[in-house]
Structures are given as C-alpha cells and as structure tokens.
C-alpha cells in the first residue's frame, strides 16, 4: 500500500504541483484475476443510455455468417471494434473528480483494485435494417387462398413476430413497419404474404363490385363488401385488401375505404409485365389503361421502383424491375443496376437507390460516391466508377 509520502514523491518526479490537484489520491493496483477479454466495452449514444436506464433492452442479432448488429426497440446499429492506444481499465467503485469534490468524508488516500482492462471497444453506427431475408422467408410459402391452403402441410414454413426477432437483423418496430409495407397479414397467428395472382384476384373482386354498385372509389362501404364477397373469399382477406389498397375512415358510424388509385394501377401494371421480358412502351400504356377500373388514370410515375423504361431502344420498351429484388449492399446494388443499364439519369435511378440513403444522406451523395457523371445530349447521366463484367 502506498503512503502519502510515496504519492507526494511520485508527484514531484512527475513535476506536478500538488496545489493544482485534488487532495485525495487513488492508488490503483491490478487484482489477481484482472485480464483482457473478460469484459467488452460498448460505447452508447445518449438516447440508447436513456433506454437502458428506463429498463428497456438492447439486443445483438445475427447468424454465425452475418455481421452482428445491435437493435433497440426502433433502430438498428452496425457494431464495429475500435482500437485505442490507451489502456481502458475496469475499476469498480472508482471515484470521479466530481465525487471527490462533493464527498468531503473521503480519506486523503485510498486504494482501488483494477478488475480488468481492454485495448478496444465496440462502437455503434446507425444502419439500415436488413429486411431482404424477411421477404425471402415469407415468399417461400405465400398464401394462395383457403382451398389450396387445406391441401398443404401445416409443417410448411410459417413465421411469427417472435421468429422474425430471432433471425432478422432489425428492430421490432422496423420489422413490423416492413410487414405493413409489403402488405403482410396474420393468418392463424402467422405472418403471410399473399401469392400475387391471388392478390390480383381479390383486388378484381372489389373493383368489379365497386363498378357494379356504381360506388365512388372514395367511399367504399366495408360491411357491404363483406356481405357481397364473403361467399367468394374469406372476409378477413377482403378486409385485408381494402386496408392494403385503401384508407379507412368512418362516416356516420359506418366504416368506409377510400381506394388508392396509384396502388391499384401499379398492381395492374405488375400483372401485365410479370410474364413479359420487355413490352413495347406505347402498346403497354394502351393495354394498361384499358385494364384498370374505369375512372382511374395510369401514369408512368406510378411505377417507380417497379418497372424501368428503356429510352434507348427503338421503339422504347418497358420491363419489370422491382427494387426489392436488388441487393441490399450499396456497392452490389450499383453493380447490379449498371449491369442492367450502362447509363442512368438521376430521375430513373433514384427509385432504385433511395432506400440505400443513410440518415441525413441524399441520393446525390450516393451517386457521387458510387457513380461517375457525364453529359449526354445535354442531359446529365451516371455510369459506374468501375468496370462492369
């Protein structure tokens, strides 16, 4: 144990003025079991500290072949090891300068044992949730209607929210939001997505009923839809399609839906394009307009992130290109896009990279990093910074 005289002698050798220091001195010594690797340090932002202090949990998610992420209730963070040239000591009961100033009962000198040490720590960086795997799992066993469901084994792949929390690298709120975005629904306690042809069939049932009853697309009554279409399809599926393609509201105690024209037109376009490699643009636009319910107007901007127009072919063509089918990794996404088309305008490429933008990042910043710009016929276009094989 060091004495006060030894402490003062050390200060003298270090050429430190005791008058400029707090009177109390802490003498550190390594305990018999102190070692590196027994503990890990995690650097948290103030918001995450507050969540822990409030009793909430932070969860590390990832399979053995995946880079680990840390998830709060509503955010996802990449975890990376940061090395430091300073040794970081774990000292239980260590007194801070503030505590030494406020607690005058502390003795003039006291001894503290170091329990462990580290030369690095985990740092967090906000990242996009990794949700592509979720869509892939749901696509293994889409819901095709009650008749086909009866013939399938109950052992087929089905997932609950708890299952997704075990295998998807995203927070609970991000998972639930994405399930809503892809129009997933719960059937007998399991999350399912509808097989596309079955979904189109349900949409057609509703639009045909709207036409036969001469309803406005802005006021579709829920109860009448369930009564009229209930004998054809499960009522839960009818209401799910109304929720997916419309906005629910109440008027004089009755529940109505305002149907979303863009969503219905978009699904109709996907139905027309899914079996064609490429479609003559002018012919497609004509057939598309004829295929949507009367009173709805089709526009190419309804197809952002779903289909791409090839403006360089003669005649111009359009083909299916869904953003959710592209890689999640930034560089792989750009490689894939430039493989599909050598040069892109910002307007054409934006729907396919918008979801890659990190917090406060713009599409322009992404293009600057991963693409090279040039002028072509007076229009700025972007191509790859690296050769595409």
Protein backbone atom coordinates (compact mmCIF):
# COMPACT_ATOMS: atom_id res chain seq x y z
CA UNK A 1 0.00 0.00 0.00
CA UNK A 2 1.40 3.39 -0.94
CA UNK A 3 1.78 6.01 1.75
CA UNK A 4 1.09 9.73 1.36
CA UNK A 5 4.83 10.37 1.27
CA UNK A 6 5.23 7.96 -1.65
CA UNK A 7 2.37 9.65 -3.53
CA UNK A 8 3.95 13.09 -3.00
CA UNK A 9 7.33 11.76 -4.16
CA UNK A 10 5.72 10.43 -7.35
CA UNK A 11 4.11 13.84 -7.98
CA UNK A 12 7.49 15.50 -7.51
CA UNK A 13 9.17 13.15 -10.02
CA UNK A 14 6.37 13.85 -12.49
CA UNK A 15 6.87 17.60 -11.91
CA UNK A 16 3.21 18.08 -10.91
CA UNK A 17 2.16 20.79 -8.45
CA UNK A 18 0.05 19.22 -5.65
CA UNK A 19 -1.73 22.58 -5.19
CA UNK A 20 -3.27 22.19 -8.65
CA UNK A 21 -4.64 18.71 -7.85
CA UNK A 22 -7.40 17.40 -5.62
CA UNK A 23 -6.08 16.44 -2.17
CA UNK A 24 -7.42 12.86 -2.29
CA UNK A 25 -5.33 10.32 -4.19
CA UNK A 26 -6.43 6.98 -5.68
CA UNK A 27 -3.80 4.28 -5.86
CA UNK A 28 -4.56 1.60 -8.46
CA UNK A 29 -3.39 -2.00 -8.40
CA UNK A 30 -4.26 -4.95 -10.59
CA UNK A 31 -6.29 -7.70 -8.98
CA UNK A 32 -5.22 -11.35 -9.22
CA UNK A 33 -7.83 -12.12 -11.91
CA UNK A 34 -7.57 -8.93 -13.94
CA UNK A 35 -7.20 -9.77 -17.62
CA UNK A 36 -8.20 -8.59 -21.08
CA UNK A 37 -11.11 -10.31 -22.83
CA UNK A 38 -13.24 -10.98 -19.75
CA UNK A 39 -15.37 -7.91 -20.45
CA UNK A 40 -16.35 -5.89 -23.52
CA UNK A 41 -16.93 -2.15 -23.64
CA UNK A 42 -19.78 -0.73 -25.69
CA UNK A 43 -19.95 2.98 -26.49
CA UNK A 44 -23.56 4.20 -26.44
CA UNK A 45 -25.14 7.45 -27.56
CA UNK A 46 -27.23 9.32 -25.02
CA UNK A 47 -30.53 8.01 -26.42
CA UNK A 48 -29.51 4.37 -26.01
CA UNK A 49 -28.22 5.02 -22.48
CA UNK A 50 -31.60 6.51 -21.63
CA UNK A 51 -33.36 3.40 -22.98
CA UNK A 52 -31.26 1.13 -20.77
CA UNK A 53 -31.81 3.35 -17.75
CA UNK A 54 -35.56 3.18 -18.43
CA UNK A 55 -35.42 -0.61 -18.24
CA UNK A 56 -35.57 -1.37 -21.98
CA UNK A 57 -33.34 -3.94 -23.65
CA UNK A 58 -30.74 -3.76 -26.40
CA UNK A 59 -30.39 -6.95 -28.43
CA UNK A 60 -27.48 -8.21 -30.56
CA UNK A 61 -28.80 -10.04 -33.64
CA UNK A 62 -27.16 -12.07 -36.38
CA UNK A 63 -26.43 -15.60 -37.56
CA UNK A 64 -22.91 -17.03 -37.48
CA UNK A 65 -22.23 -15.94 -41.07
CA UNK A 66 -23.61 -12.41 -40.60
CA UNK A 67 -22.02 -9.22 -39.28
CA UNK A 68 -23.59 -8.60 -35.87
CA UNK A 69 -25.95 -5.67 -35.37
CA UNK A 70 -27.38 -4.17 -32.19
CA UNK A 71 -31.08 -3.35 -32.08
CA UNK A 72 -33.08 -1.11 -29.81
CA UNK A 73 -36.88 -1.13 -29.93
CA UNK A 74 -36.94 1.02 -33.09
CA UNK A 75 -33.40 1.32 -34.53
CA UNK A 76 -30.59 -0.88 -35.88
CA UNK A 77 -26.85 -0.25 -35.47
CA UNK A 78 -23.75 -1.78 -37.05
CA UNK A 79 -21.22 -2.97 -34.46
CA UNK A 80 -17.52 -2.44 -35.16
CA UNK A 81 -14.46 -2.81 -32.95
CA UNK A 82 -12.50 0.41 -32.40
CA UNK A 83 -8.93 0.07 -31.17
CA UNK A 84 -7.42 2.61 -28.80
CA UNK A 85 -3.79 3.30 -27.94
CA UNK A 86 -4.78 3.92 -24.31
CA UNK A 87 -5.46 1.05 -21.97
CA UNK A 88 -9.05 1.12 -20.73
CA UNK A 89 -9.35 -0.01 -17.10
CA UNK A 90 -12.39 -1.53 -15.39
CA UNK A 91 -12.36 -0.14 -11.84
CA UNK A 92 -15.37 -0.97 -9.63
CA UNK A 93 -16.06 1.79 -7.12
CA UNK A 94 -13.69 4.26 -8.76
CA UNK A 95 -14.34 7.83 -7.62
CA UNK A 96 -14.72 10.55 -10.23
CA UNK A 97 -13.35 14.08 -9.66
CA UNK A 98 -16.91 15.29 -9.14
CA UNK A 99 -17.48 12.71 -6.40
CA UNK A 100 -14.20 13.60 -4.74
CA UNK A 101 -15.21 17.26 -4.65
CA UNK A 102 -18.68 16.67 -3.23
CA UNK A 103 -17.82 13.96 -0.72
CA UNK A 104 -15.54 15.56 1.89
CA UNK A 105 -15.66 12.42 4.07
CA UNK A 106 -13.32 10.53 1.70
CA UNK A 107 -9.93 9.80 3.18
CA UNK A 108 -6.82 11.57 1.93
CA UNK A 109 -5.57 8.44 0.16
CA UNK A 110 -7.35 5.22 -0.76
CA UNK A 111 -6.60 2.13 -2.80
CA UNK A 112 -8.61 0.73 -5.72
CA UNK A 113 -8.30 -2.63 -7.44
CA UNK A 114 -8.41 -2.96 -11.25
CA UNK A 115 -10.80 -5.78 -12.21
CA UNK A 116 -9.93 -5.91 -15.91
CA UNK A 117 -8.68 -3.96 -18.90
CA UNK A 118 -9.15 -3.62 -22.67
CA UNK A 119 -7.43 -2.05 -25.64
CA UNK A 120 -10.59 -1.71 -27.74
CA UNK A 121 -14.35 -1.19 -27.52
CA UNK A 122 -17.45 -1.68 -29.63
CA UNK A 123 -18.73 1.42 -31.37
CA UNK A 124 -22.18 1.69 -32.96
CA UNK A 125 -23.21 3.30 -36.20
CA UNK A 126 -26.85 3.66 -37.25
CA UNK A 127 -27.58 1.44 -40.26
CA UNK A 128 -30.47 0.33 -42.42
CA UNK A 129 -32.36 -2.72 -41.13
CA UNK A 130 -31.54 -5.89 -43.09
CA UNK A 131 -35.02 -6.92 -44.21
CA UNK A 132 -34.46 -8.69 -47.53
CA UNK A 133 -34.25 -12.01 -45.69
CA UNK A 134 -37.71 -11.42 -44.18
CA UNK A 135 -39.33 -11.06 -47.62
CA UNK A 136 -37.45 -14.15 -48.82
CA UNK A 137 -38.74 -16.25 -45.90
CA UNK A 138 -42.33 -15.13 -46.46
CA UNK A 139 -42.04 -15.80 -50.21
CA UNK A 140 -41.25 -19.46 -49.53
CA UNK A 141 -44.87 -20.10 -48.59
CA UNK A 142 -47.27 -17.40 -49.83
CA UNK A 143 -50.97 -17.66 -49.04
CA UNK A 144 -52.89 -18.80 -52.15
CA UNK A 145 -56.40 -18.97 -50.69
CA UNK A 146 -58.31 -21.29 -48.37
CA UNK A 147 -58.78 -24.11 -50.91
CA UNK A 148 -55.07 -24.56 -51.66
CA UNK A 149 -54.16 -23.98 -48.00
CA UNK A 150 -56.18 -27.06 -46.99
CA UNK A 151 -54.03 -29.26 -49.22
CA UNK A 152 -50.73 -28.01 -47.79
CA UNK A 153 -48.88 -29.50 -44.85
CA UNK A 154 -49.01 -27.49 -41.63
CA UNK A 155 -45.24 -28.03 -41.46
CA UNK A 156 -44.66 -25.62 -44.35
CA UNK A 157 -42.59 -22.55 -43.45
CA UNK A 158 -44.60 -20.13 -41.34
CA UNK A 159 -43.31 -17.39 -39.07
CA UNK A 160 -44.48 -15.39 -36.07
CA UNK A 161 -43.17 -12.00 -34.93
CA UNK A 162 -41.01 -13.82 -32.37
CA UNK A 163 -39.50 -15.97 -35.14
CA UNK A 164 -38.52 -12.85 -37.08
CA UNK A 165 -36.98 -11.27 -33.98
CA UNK A 166 -34.75 -14.34 -33.71
CA UNK A 167 -33.45 -14.34 -37.29
CA UNK A 168 -33.93 -10.87 -38.84
CA UNK A 169 -31.33 -8.15 -38.24
CA UNK A 170 -33.72 -5.31 -37.48
CA UNK A 171 -35.56 -3.78 -34.54
CA UNK A 172 -39.09 -4.86 -33.69
CA UNK A 173 -40.63 -1.61 -34.93
CA UNK A 174 -38.68 -1.79 -38.20
CA UNK A 175 -39.83 -5.38 -38.75
CA UNK A 176 -43.48 -4.55 -38.07
CA UNK A 177 -43.29 -1.49 -40.33
CA UNK A 178 -41.82 -3.53 -43.16
CA UNK A 179 -44.50 -6.20 -42.78
CA UNK A 180 -47.04 -3.42 -43.27
CA UNK A 181 -45.15 -2.05 -46.32
CA UNK A 182 -45.20 -5.45 -48.08
CA UNK A 183 -48.88 -5.93 -47.18
CA UNK A 184 -48.28 -8.97 -44.99
CA UNK A 185 -51.15 -10.19 -42.84
CA UNK A 186 -51.60 -12.55 -39.92
CA UNK A 187 -53.36 -15.81 -40.70
CA UNK A 188 -53.90 -18.16 -37.75
CA UNK A 189 -51.16 -16.35 -35.82
CA UNK A 190 -48.53 -16.50 -38.59
CA UNK A 191 -47.33 -13.71 -40.87
CA UNK A 192 -48.07 -14.40 -44.53
CA UNK A 193 -47.91 -12.54 -47.82
CA UNK A 194 -50.48 -13.23 -50.50
CA UNK A 195 -49.46 -15.05 -53.66
CA UNK A 196 -49.56 -12.32 -56.32
CA UNK A 197 -52.19 -13.90 -58.61
CA UNK A 198 -54.45 -14.47 -55.60
CA UNK A 199 -53.96 -10.85 -54.52
CA UNK A 200 -54.90 -9.66 -58.02
CA UNK A 201 -57.99 -11.87 -57.90
CA UNK A 202 -59.12 -10.25 -54.62
CA UNK A 203 -58.47 -6.73 -55.98
CA UNK A 204 -60.54 -7.55 -59.07
CA UNK A 205 -63.43 -8.82 -56.91
CA UNK A 206 -63.51 -5.48 -55.08
CA UNK A 207 -63.12 -3.23 -58.16
CA UNK A 208 -65.81 -5.20 -60.02
CA UNK A 209 -68.18 -4.81 -57.05
CA UNK A 210 -67.44 -1.06 -56.95
CA UNK A 211 -68.28 -0.86 -60.67
CA UNK A 212 -71.48 -2.92 -60.41
CA UNK A 213 -72.73 -0.87 -57.44
CA UNK A 214 -71.65 2.44 -59.05
CA UNK A 215 -69.80 3.44 -55.87
CA UNK A 216 -67.27 6.21 -55.74
CA UNK A 217 -63.70 4.97 -55.24
CA UNK A 218 -63.52 7.43 -52.36
CA UNK A 219 -66.41 5.81 -50.47
CA UNK A 220 -66.42 2.01 -50.47
CA UNK A 221 -68.52 0.53 -47.61
CA UNK A 222 -66.81 -2.24 -45.65
CA UNK A 223 -69.93 -4.09 -44.47
CA UNK A 224 -71.48 -4.34 -47.93
CA UNK A 225 -68.18 -5.59 -49.38
CA UNK A 226 -68.00 -8.31 -46.74
CA UNK A 227 -71.63 -9.32 -47.30
CA UNK A 228 -71.35 -9.46 -51.10
CA UNK A 229 -67.88 -11.00 -51.38
CA UNK A 230 -67.94 -13.15 -48.23
CA UNK A 231 -69.36 -16.19 -50.09
CA UNK A 232 -66.46 -15.98 -52.59
CA UNK A 233 -63.45 -15.36 -50.35
CA UNK A 234 -62.65 -15.22 -46.61
CA UNK A 235 -63.90 -11.95 -45.12
CA UNK A 236 -60.51 -11.42 -43.46
CA UNK A 237 -58.87 -11.41 -46.91
CA UNK A 238 -61.41 -8.94 -48.32
CA UNK A 239 -60.79 -6.55 -45.41
CA UNK A 240 -57.02 -7.04 -45.72
CA UNK A 241 -57.10 -5.98 -49.40
CA UNK A 242 -59.25 -2.95 -48.53
CA UNK A 243 -56.69 -1.98 -45.86
CA UNK A 244 -53.77 -2.56 -48.26
CA UNK A 245 -55.28 -0.63 -51.18
CA UNK A 246 -57.34 1.96 -49.37
CA UNK A 247 -57.57 4.37 -46.47
CA UNK A 248 -60.03 3.50 -43.72
CA UNK A 249 -62.38 6.11 -42.26
CA UNK A 250 -65.75 6.33 -40.51
CA UNK A 251 -68.78 8.34 -41.62
CA UNK A 252 -71.99 8.41 -39.56
CA UNK A 253 -70.99 5.25 -37.74
CA UNK A 254 -70.25 3.28 -40.93
CA UNK A 255 -66.75 2.16 -41.97
CA UNK A 256 -65.64 3.15 -45.47
CA UNK A 257 -62.47 2.97 -47.55
CA UNK A 258 -61.01 5.49 -49.95
CA UNK A 259 -59.28 3.36 -52.58
CA UNK A 260 -55.76 4.30 -53.65
CA UNK A 261 -55.68 4.76 -57.42
CA UNK A 262 -51.88 4.60 -57.65
CA UNK A 263 -51.68 1.24 -55.83
CA UNK A 264 -54.37 -0.37 -57.99
CA UNK A 265 -52.77 0.92 -61.20
CA UNK A 266 -49.36 -0.27 -60.01
CA UNK A 267 -50.59 -3.81 -59.26
CA UNK A 268 -52.32 -3.97 -62.65
CA UNK A 269 -49.06 -2.96 -64.35
CA UNK A 270 -47.14 -5.66 -62.45
CA UNK A 271 -49.69 -8.24 -63.58
CA UNK A 272 -49.18 -7.21 -67.22
CA UNK A 273 -45.38 -7.06 -67.02
CA UNK A 274 -44.60 -10.14 -64.92
CA UNK A 275 -44.70 -12.60 -67.82
CA UNK A 276 -43.07 -10.38 -70.45
CA UNK A 277 -39.32 -9.91 -70.86
CA UNK A 278 -39.90 -6.49 -72.44
CA UNK A 279 -43.05 -4.71 -73.54
CA UNK A 280 -43.39 -2.11 -76.28
CA UNK A 281 -43.95 1.07 -74.22
CA UNK A 282 -46.76 2.61 -76.26
CA UNK A 283 -48.59 -0.72 -76.53
CA UNK A 284 -48.15 -1.33 -72.80
CA UNK A 285 -49.55 2.10 -71.89
CA UNK A 286 -52.62 1.44 -74.04
CA UNK A 287 -53.26 -2.03 -72.62
CA UNK A 288 -52.55 -0.82 -69.08
CA UNK A 289 -55.11 1.99 -69.30
CA UNK A 290 -57.70 -0.43 -70.67
CA UNK A 291 -57.01 -2.89 -67.83
CA UNK A 292 -57.55 -0.58 -64.84
CA UNK A 293 -61.04 0.16 -63.49
CA UNK A 294 -62.99 2.81 -65.36
CA UNK A 295 -62.38 6.26 -63.91
CA UNK A 296 -58.74 5.57 -62.99
CA UNK A 297 -55.84 7.12 -64.89
CA UNK A 298 -52.49 5.39 -65.40
CA UNK A 299 -49.20 7.29 -65.27
CA UNK A 300 -45.62 6.08 -65.60
CA UNK A 301 -44.65 7.73 -62.30
CA UNK A 302 -46.89 5.17 -60.58
CA UNK A 303 -44.30 2.53 -61.49
CA UNK A 304 -41.27 3.97 -59.66
CA UNK A 305 -39.19 1.13 -58.24
CA UNK A 306 -41.34 -1.44 -60.09
CA UNK A 307 -40.61 -1.04 -63.81
CA UNK A 308 -37.98 0.66 -65.95
CA UNK A 309 -38.41 2.34 -69.32
CA UNK A 310 -35.62 1.68 -71.83
CA UNK A 311 -35.47 5.03 -73.61
CA UNK A 312 -32.55 3.99 -75.83
CA UNK A 313 -34.31 1.15 -77.62
CA UNK A 314 -36.39 1.81 -80.74
CA UNK A 315 -39.25 1.59 -80.16
CA UNK A 316 -39.00 2.37 -76.45
CA UNK A 317 -39.73 -0.58 -74.18
CA UNK A 318 -40.63 -1.17 -70.53
CA UNK A 319 -39.76 -4.14 -68.32
CA UNK A 320 -40.29 -5.27 -64.74
CA UNK A 321 -37.51 -4.26 -62.32
CA UNK A 322 -38.52 -4.39 -58.67
CA UNK A 323 -36.34 -2.57 -56.16
CA UNK A 324 -36.92 -5.30 -53.55
CA UNK A 325 -35.23 -7.83 -55.84
CA UNK A 326 -31.95 -5.87 -55.89
CA UNK A 327 -29.03 -6.48 -53.46
CA UNK A 328 -29.07 -4.74 -50.05
CA UNK A 329 -25.35 -3.86 -50.11
CA UNK A 330 -24.63 -0.43 -51.61
CA UNK A 331 -21.82 -1.45 -53.99
CA UNK A 332 -23.60 -4.62 -55.08
CA UNK A 333 -26.77 -2.60 -55.74
CA UNK A 334 -24.94 -0.15 -58.00
CA UNK A 335 -23.10 -3.00 -59.76
CA UNK A 336 -26.42 -4.69 -60.45
CA UNK A 337 -28.02 -1.50 -61.78
CA UNK A 338 -25.11 -0.64 -64.07
CA UNK A 339 -25.12 -4.21 -65.34
CA UNK A 340 -28.79 -3.81 -66.30
CA UNK A 341 -28.24 -0.41 -67.91
CA UNK A 342 -24.90 1.29 -68.55
CA UNK A 343 -26.07 4.90 -68.10
CA UNK A 344 -28.84 6.28 -65.91
CA UNK A 345 -30.46 9.66 -65.43
CA UNK A 346 -30.92 10.73 -61.82
CA UNK A 347 -34.70 10.52 -62.22
CA UNK A 348 -34.52 6.89 -63.42
CA UNK A 349 -32.01 5.62 -60.83
CA UNK A 350 -33.41 7.43 -57.76
CA UNK A 351 -36.29 4.95 -57.06
CA UNK A 352 -33.73 2.13 -57.07
CA UNK A 353 -31.26 3.66 -54.61
CA UNK A 354 -33.45 5.88 -52.40
CA UNK A 355 -33.71 3.17 -49.75
CA UNK A 356 -29.90 2.99 -49.51
CA UNK A 357 -29.66 6.53 -48.14
CA UNK A 358 -28.43 6.59 -44.55
CA UNK A 359 -29.70 9.09 -42.01
CA UNK A 360 -29.33 12.64 -43.45
CA UNK A 361 -27.76 11.23 -46.65
CA UNK A 362 -29.04 12.32 -50.07
CA UNK A 363 -29.30 10.47 -53.36
CA UNK A 364 -26.81 12.97 -54.78
CA UNK A 365 -24.23 11.97 -52.16
CA UNK A 366 -24.69 8.29 -53.01
CA UNK A 367 -24.26 8.98 -56.72
CA UNK A 368 -21.10 11.00 -56.06
CA UNK A 369 -19.61 8.06 -54.14
CA UNK A 370 -20.61 5.15 -56.38
CA UNK A 371 -21.07 6.66 -59.87
CA UNK A 372 -19.41 8.98 -62.37
CA UNK A 373 -21.42 11.71 -64.10
CA UNK A 374 -21.21 12.94 -67.68
CA UNK A 375 -23.35 14.87 -70.16
CA UNK A 376 -25.17 13.05 -72.94
CA UNK A 377 -27.25 15.08 -75.41
CA UNK A 378 -27.48 17.86 -72.86
CA UNK A 379 -28.69 15.52 -70.08
CA UNK A 380 -26.59 14.52 -67.05
CA UNK A 381 -26.21 10.75 -66.84
CA UNK A 382 -24.41 8.43 -64.42
CA UNK A 383 -22.32 5.35 -65.11
CA UNK A 384 -20.18 3.04 -62.98
CA UNK A 385 -16.88 4.13 -61.46
CA UNK A 386 -15.51 0.62 -62.01
CA UNK A 387 -15.63 -1.84 -64.95
CA UNK A 388 -18.76 -3.98 -65.00
CA UNK A 389 -18.19 -7.58 -66.08
